[in-house]
N, C-alpha and C. Protein backbone atom coordinates (compact mmCIF):
# COMPACT_ATOMS: atom_id res chain seq x y z
N MET A 1 -5.38 22.79 22.67
CA MET A 1 -6.50 21.94 22.35
C MET A 1 -6.18 20.50 22.76
N GLY A 2 -7.17 19.66 22.78
CA GLY A 2 -7.01 18.33 23.34
C GLY A 2 -6.51 17.26 22.39
N TYR A 3 -6.05 17.60 21.23
CA TYR A 3 -5.65 16.58 20.26
C TYR A 3 -4.21 16.78 19.77
N THR A 4 -3.45 17.63 20.39
CA THR A 4 -2.10 17.92 19.90
C THR A 4 -1.13 16.76 20.14
N TRP A 5 -1.46 15.83 21.01
CA TRP A 5 -0.61 14.69 21.29
C TRP A 5 -0.74 13.58 20.25
N LEU A 6 -1.80 13.57 19.46
CA LEU A 6 -2.09 12.47 18.56
C LEU A 6 -1.02 12.24 17.49
N PRO A 7 -0.46 13.28 16.86
CA PRO A 7 0.59 13.01 15.86
C PRO A 7 1.77 12.22 16.42
N ILE A 8 2.18 12.52 17.63
CA ILE A 8 3.30 11.80 18.24
C ILE A 8 2.92 10.36 18.55
N VAL A 9 1.72 10.16 19.04
CA VAL A 9 1.26 8.82 19.38
C VAL A 9 1.12 7.95 18.13
N VAL A 10 0.85 8.54 17.00
CA VAL A 10 0.75 7.78 15.75
C VAL A 10 2.13 7.59 15.13
N PHE A 11 2.94 8.63 15.13
CA PHE A 11 4.21 8.58 14.41
C PHE A 11 5.23 7.64 15.06
N ILE A 12 5.35 7.66 16.36
CA ILE A 12 6.37 6.85 17.03
C ILE A 12 6.15 5.35 16.80
N PRO A 13 4.95 4.80 17.05
CA PRO A 13 4.78 3.37 16.78
C PRO A 13 4.96 3.00 15.31
N CYS A 14 4.49 3.86 14.41
CA CYS A 14 4.67 3.57 12.98
C CYS A 14 6.15 3.54 12.62
N GLY A 15 6.92 4.46 13.16
CA GLY A 15 8.35 4.49 12.89
C GLY A 15 9.08 3.28 13.45
N VAL A 16 8.73 2.88 14.65
CA VAL A 16 9.36 1.71 15.28
C VAL A 16 9.00 0.44 14.51
N ILE A 17 7.72 0.27 14.18
CA ILE A 17 7.29 -0.91 13.42
C ILE A 17 7.94 -0.92 12.05
N ALA A 18 8.02 0.23 11.41
CA ALA A 18 8.66 0.32 10.09
C ALA A 18 10.12 -0.13 10.17
N ASP A 19 10.83 0.32 11.20
CA ASP A 19 12.23 -0.07 11.33
C ASP A 19 12.37 -1.56 11.61
N LEU A 20 11.45 -2.13 12.38
CA LEU A 20 11.50 -3.57 12.63
C LEU A 20 11.26 -4.36 11.35
N VAL A 21 10.35 -3.88 10.51
CA VAL A 21 10.10 -4.54 9.22
C VAL A 21 11.34 -4.45 8.34
N LEU A 22 11.94 -3.26 8.26
CA LEU A 22 13.15 -3.09 7.45
C LEU A 22 14.28 -3.98 7.96
N LYS A 23 14.43 -4.04 9.28
CA LYS A 23 15.49 -4.85 9.86
C LYS A 23 15.26 -6.34 9.61
N SER A 24 14.01 -6.78 9.59
CA SER A 24 13.72 -8.20 9.35
C SER A 24 14.15 -8.62 7.95
N GLY A 25 14.26 -7.69 7.04
CA GLY A 25 14.76 -7.99 5.69
C GLY A 25 16.19 -7.58 5.50
N ASN A 26 16.91 -7.34 6.64
CA ASN A 26 18.31 -6.88 6.61
C ASN A 26 18.48 -5.63 5.75
N TYR A 27 17.47 -4.82 5.66
CA TYR A 27 17.47 -3.56 4.92
C TYR A 27 17.77 -3.77 3.42
N LYS A 28 17.63 -5.00 2.94
CA LYS A 28 17.94 -5.30 1.54
C LYS A 28 16.76 -5.89 0.78
N SER A 29 15.75 -6.38 1.49
CA SER A 29 14.60 -6.99 0.84
C SER A 29 13.73 -5.90 0.21
N PHE A 30 13.52 -6.00 -1.08
CA PHE A 30 12.72 -4.99 -1.77
C PHE A 30 11.32 -4.91 -1.19
N ARG A 31 10.67 -6.05 -1.01
CA ARG A 31 9.30 -6.08 -0.49
C ARG A 31 9.22 -5.50 0.92
N LYS A 32 10.16 -5.88 1.77
CA LYS A 32 10.12 -5.36 3.14
C LYS A 32 10.49 -3.88 3.19
N ASN A 33 11.32 -3.43 2.28
CA ASN A 33 11.63 -2.00 2.22
C ASN A 33 10.39 -1.20 1.82
N VAL A 34 9.64 -1.71 0.85
CA VAL A 34 8.40 -1.03 0.44
C VAL A 34 7.43 -0.96 1.61
N ILE A 35 7.24 -2.09 2.29
CA ILE A 35 6.30 -2.12 3.43
C ILE A 35 6.79 -1.21 4.55
N GLY A 36 8.09 -1.24 4.83
CA GLY A 36 8.64 -0.42 5.90
C GLY A 36 8.49 1.07 5.63
N PHE A 37 8.79 1.48 4.42
CA PHE A 37 8.67 2.90 4.10
C PHE A 37 7.20 3.33 4.01
N TRP A 38 6.33 2.40 3.64
CA TRP A 38 4.89 2.70 3.65
C TRP A 38 4.43 2.92 5.09
N LEU A 39 4.86 2.05 6.00
CA LEU A 39 4.48 2.21 7.41
C LEU A 39 5.02 3.52 7.98
N PHE A 40 6.26 3.85 7.63
CA PHE A 40 6.84 5.11 8.08
C PHE A 40 6.01 6.29 7.57
N SER A 41 5.61 6.24 6.31
CA SER A 41 4.79 7.31 5.73
C SER A 41 3.42 7.39 6.39
N CYS A 42 2.88 6.24 6.78
CA CYS A 42 1.59 6.24 7.47
C CYS A 42 1.68 6.99 8.79
N GLY A 43 2.85 6.99 9.40
CA GLY A 43 3.04 7.74 10.64
C GLY A 43 2.82 9.23 10.45
N MET A 44 3.11 9.71 9.26
CA MET A 44 2.94 11.14 9.00
C MET A 44 1.48 11.54 8.88
N ILE A 45 0.61 10.57 8.79
CA ILE A 45 -0.83 10.87 8.77
C ILE A 45 -1.29 11.34 10.16
N GLY A 46 -0.44 11.13 11.15
CA GLY A 46 -0.79 11.54 12.50
C GLY A 46 -1.19 13.00 12.62
N CYS A 47 -0.66 13.85 11.75
CA CYS A 47 -1.02 15.27 11.78
C CYS A 47 -2.47 15.49 11.35
N GLN A 48 -2.94 14.66 10.44
CA GLN A 48 -4.32 14.79 9.98
C GLN A 48 -5.27 13.88 10.74
N ALA A 49 -4.75 12.94 11.50
CA ALA A 49 -5.58 11.96 12.20
C ALA A 49 -6.66 12.57 13.09
N PRO A 50 -6.42 13.70 13.77
CA PRO A 50 -7.49 14.25 14.60
C PRO A 50 -8.78 14.56 13.82
N MET A 51 -8.63 14.88 12.53
CA MET A 51 -9.83 15.16 11.73
C MET A 51 -10.70 13.94 11.58
N TRP A 52 -10.10 12.75 11.63
CA TRP A 52 -10.86 11.52 11.43
C TRP A 52 -11.12 10.78 12.73
N VAL A 53 -10.14 10.78 13.64
CA VAL A 53 -10.27 10.01 14.88
C VAL A 53 -11.15 10.72 15.91
N MET A 54 -10.95 12.00 16.08
CA MET A 54 -11.73 12.78 17.04
C MET A 54 -12.31 14.00 16.33
N ALA A 55 -13.15 13.71 15.36
CA ALA A 55 -13.66 14.75 14.46
C ALA A 55 -14.44 15.84 15.21
N ASP A 56 -15.29 15.45 16.16
CA ASP A 56 -16.10 16.45 16.86
C ASP A 56 -15.24 17.45 17.63
N THR A 57 -14.27 16.95 18.37
CA THR A 57 -13.38 17.83 19.14
C THR A 57 -12.55 18.71 18.22
N TYR A 58 -12.03 18.11 17.16
CA TYR A 58 -11.20 18.86 16.23
C TYR A 58 -12.00 19.96 15.54
N MET A 59 -13.17 19.60 15.03
CA MET A 59 -13.98 20.59 14.32
C MET A 59 -14.48 21.69 15.25
N ALA A 60 -14.72 21.36 16.52
CA ALA A 60 -15.12 22.39 17.49
C ALA A 60 -13.98 23.40 17.67
N GLY A 61 -12.75 22.90 17.76
CA GLY A 61 -11.60 23.79 17.88
C GLY A 61 -11.38 24.62 16.63
N VAL A 62 -11.57 24.00 15.47
CA VAL A 62 -11.41 24.73 14.21
C VAL A 62 -12.47 25.80 14.08
N SER A 63 -13.71 25.46 14.40
CA SER A 63 -14.78 26.46 14.27
C SER A 63 -14.59 27.62 15.25
N GLN A 64 -14.01 27.33 16.41
CA GLN A 64 -13.76 28.38 17.38
C GLN A 64 -12.64 29.32 16.91
N SER A 65 -11.60 28.75 16.29
CA SER A 65 -10.48 29.59 15.90
C SER A 65 -10.59 30.13 14.47
N MET A 66 -11.20 29.37 13.57
CA MET A 66 -11.24 29.76 12.17
C MET A 66 -12.64 30.16 11.68
N GLY A 67 -13.66 29.80 12.43
CA GLY A 67 -15.01 30.15 12.04
C GLY A 67 -15.82 28.94 11.59
N GLU A 68 -17.13 29.07 11.71
CA GLU A 68 -18.05 27.98 11.38
C GLU A 68 -17.99 27.60 9.90
N GLN A 69 -17.91 28.58 9.04
CA GLN A 69 -17.91 28.31 7.61
C GLN A 69 -16.68 27.50 7.20
N TYR A 70 -15.53 27.85 7.74
CA TYR A 70 -14.31 27.12 7.44
C TYR A 70 -14.41 25.68 7.96
N ALA A 71 -14.90 25.52 9.18
CA ALA A 71 -15.04 24.19 9.77
C ALA A 71 -16.00 23.32 8.96
N ALA A 72 -17.09 23.91 8.49
CA ALA A 72 -18.05 23.15 7.68
C ALA A 72 -17.41 22.72 6.35
N GLY A 73 -16.66 23.60 5.74
CA GLY A 73 -15.97 23.25 4.49
C GLY A 73 -14.93 22.17 4.71
N LEU A 74 -14.20 22.27 5.80
CA LEU A 74 -13.19 21.27 6.12
C LEU A 74 -13.83 19.91 6.37
N ALA A 75 -14.92 19.90 7.11
CA ALA A 75 -15.63 18.65 7.39
C ALA A 75 -16.19 18.05 6.10
N LYS A 76 -16.59 18.90 5.18
CA LYS A 76 -17.14 18.41 3.91
C LYS A 76 -16.07 17.71 3.08
N TYR A 77 -14.85 18.27 3.05
CA TYR A 77 -13.79 17.72 2.22
C TYR A 77 -12.90 16.70 2.95
N MET A 78 -13.10 16.52 4.22
CA MET A 78 -12.32 15.54 4.98
C MET A 78 -13.23 14.60 5.76
N PRO A 79 -14.06 13.82 5.07
CA PRO A 79 -14.92 12.86 5.76
C PRO A 79 -14.09 11.75 6.40
N PRO A 80 -14.66 10.99 7.32
CA PRO A 80 -13.90 9.95 8.02
C PRO A 80 -13.25 8.91 7.11
N TRP A 81 -13.87 8.57 6.01
CA TRP A 81 -13.29 7.57 5.11
C TRP A 81 -12.03 8.07 4.42
N MET A 82 -11.78 9.35 4.48
CA MET A 82 -10.60 9.92 3.84
C MET A 82 -9.31 9.41 4.49
N GLY A 83 -9.36 9.05 5.76
CA GLY A 83 -8.19 8.48 6.43
C GLY A 83 -7.78 7.16 5.81
N ILE A 84 -8.75 6.32 5.52
CA ILE A 84 -8.48 5.03 4.88
C ILE A 84 -7.96 5.27 3.46
N ALA A 85 -8.56 6.22 2.77
CA ALA A 85 -8.10 6.55 1.42
C ALA A 85 -6.66 7.05 1.45
N ALA A 86 -6.30 7.83 2.46
CA ALA A 86 -4.93 8.35 2.56
C ALA A 86 -3.93 7.21 2.75
N VAL A 87 -4.28 6.22 3.57
CA VAL A 87 -3.39 5.07 3.78
C VAL A 87 -3.24 4.29 2.47
N ALA A 88 -4.33 4.12 1.73
CA ALA A 88 -4.28 3.40 0.46
C ALA A 88 -3.45 4.17 -0.57
N ILE A 89 -3.61 5.48 -0.61
CA ILE A 89 -2.83 6.31 -1.54
C ILE A 89 -1.34 6.23 -1.19
N LEU A 90 -1.02 6.22 0.09
CA LEU A 90 0.37 6.07 0.51
C LEU A 90 0.93 4.72 0.07
N LEU A 91 0.13 3.67 0.13
CA LEU A 91 0.59 2.35 -0.30
C LEU A 91 0.90 2.35 -1.79
N VAL A 92 0.00 2.89 -2.58
CA VAL A 92 0.21 2.96 -4.02
C VAL A 92 1.44 3.82 -4.33
N GLY A 93 1.56 4.95 -3.67
CA GLY A 93 2.71 5.82 -3.88
C GLY A 93 4.02 5.17 -3.46
N SER A 94 4.00 4.39 -2.38
CA SER A 94 5.20 3.69 -1.94
C SER A 94 5.64 2.65 -2.96
N ILE A 95 4.68 1.92 -3.48
CA ILE A 95 5.00 0.89 -4.48
C ILE A 95 5.55 1.54 -5.75
N LEU A 96 4.86 2.57 -6.24
CA LEU A 96 5.32 3.23 -7.46
C LEU A 96 6.69 3.88 -7.26
N GLY A 97 6.90 4.52 -6.13
CA GLY A 97 8.18 5.15 -5.85
C GLY A 97 9.31 4.13 -5.75
N ALA A 98 9.03 2.99 -5.13
CA ALA A 98 10.05 1.95 -5.01
C ALA A 98 10.39 1.36 -6.38
N LEU A 99 9.37 1.14 -7.19
CA LEU A 99 9.63 0.61 -8.54
C LEU A 99 10.43 1.59 -9.37
N LEU A 100 10.08 2.86 -9.28
CA LEU A 100 10.82 3.89 -10.01
C LEU A 100 12.26 3.98 -9.50
N GLY A 101 12.44 3.94 -8.20
CA GLY A 101 13.77 4.00 -7.62
C GLY A 101 14.63 2.81 -8.03
N ARG A 102 14.02 1.61 -8.05
CA ARG A 102 14.77 0.42 -8.46
C ARG A 102 15.18 0.51 -9.93
N LYS A 103 14.27 1.03 -10.75
CA LYS A 103 14.57 1.18 -12.18
C LYS A 103 15.71 2.18 -12.38
N MET A 104 15.68 3.29 -11.66
CA MET A 104 16.74 4.29 -11.78
C MET A 104 18.06 3.75 -11.26
N LEU A 105 18.01 2.95 -10.19
CA LEU A 105 19.22 2.36 -9.64
C LEU A 105 19.89 1.46 -10.67
N LYS A 106 19.08 0.63 -11.32
CA LYS A 106 19.63 -0.26 -12.34
C LYS A 106 20.16 0.53 -13.54
N LYS A 107 19.40 1.53 -13.97
CA LYS A 107 19.77 2.27 -15.16
C LYS A 107 21.06 3.06 -14.97
N HIS A 108 21.20 3.73 -13.84
CA HIS A 108 22.30 4.66 -13.67
C HIS A 108 23.48 4.10 -12.86
N PHE A 109 23.18 3.42 -11.77
CA PHE A 109 24.27 3.05 -10.87
C PHE A 109 24.82 1.65 -11.14
N GLU A 110 23.97 0.68 -11.42
CA GLU A 110 24.47 -0.65 -11.69
C GLU A 110 25.23 -0.69 -13.01
N ARG A 111 24.74 -0.01 -13.99
CA ARG A 111 25.41 0.04 -15.29
C ARG A 111 26.79 0.71 -15.17
N ALA A 112 26.88 1.68 -14.28
CA ALA A 112 28.16 2.38 -14.09
C ALA A 112 29.10 1.61 -13.17
N GLY A 113 28.59 0.54 -12.53
CA GLY A 113 29.41 -0.28 -11.65
C GLY A 113 29.57 0.27 -10.25
N ILE A 114 28.72 1.23 -9.88
CA ILE A 114 28.81 1.82 -8.53
C ILE A 114 28.18 0.90 -7.51
N VAL A 115 27.09 0.25 -7.88
CA VAL A 115 26.38 -0.64 -6.95
C VAL A 115 26.51 -2.06 -7.40
């Protein structure tokens, strides 16, 4: 199908940009680590990106291989705005995960003198 290249095209730039952000904070800045890991996670949306970026082509391929009913259900539950929602959910998850990780680091490793 004509959209199999999209995950790679999305993931590589997101990964490179994420690493540049992490490096700009010397891999120690909490804020830049959160942003960098969020950008890296956004790269993984590349697998779902064809549903939002090239919806007509993707749904045509899905309906051909999986059937019209499946394609209609998929289109119903994956509208174009879902891509933006996924990026926002990744941001919230990145922030919460970083805060939880920092709290666990302080509780377990700093108290023990490891870090």
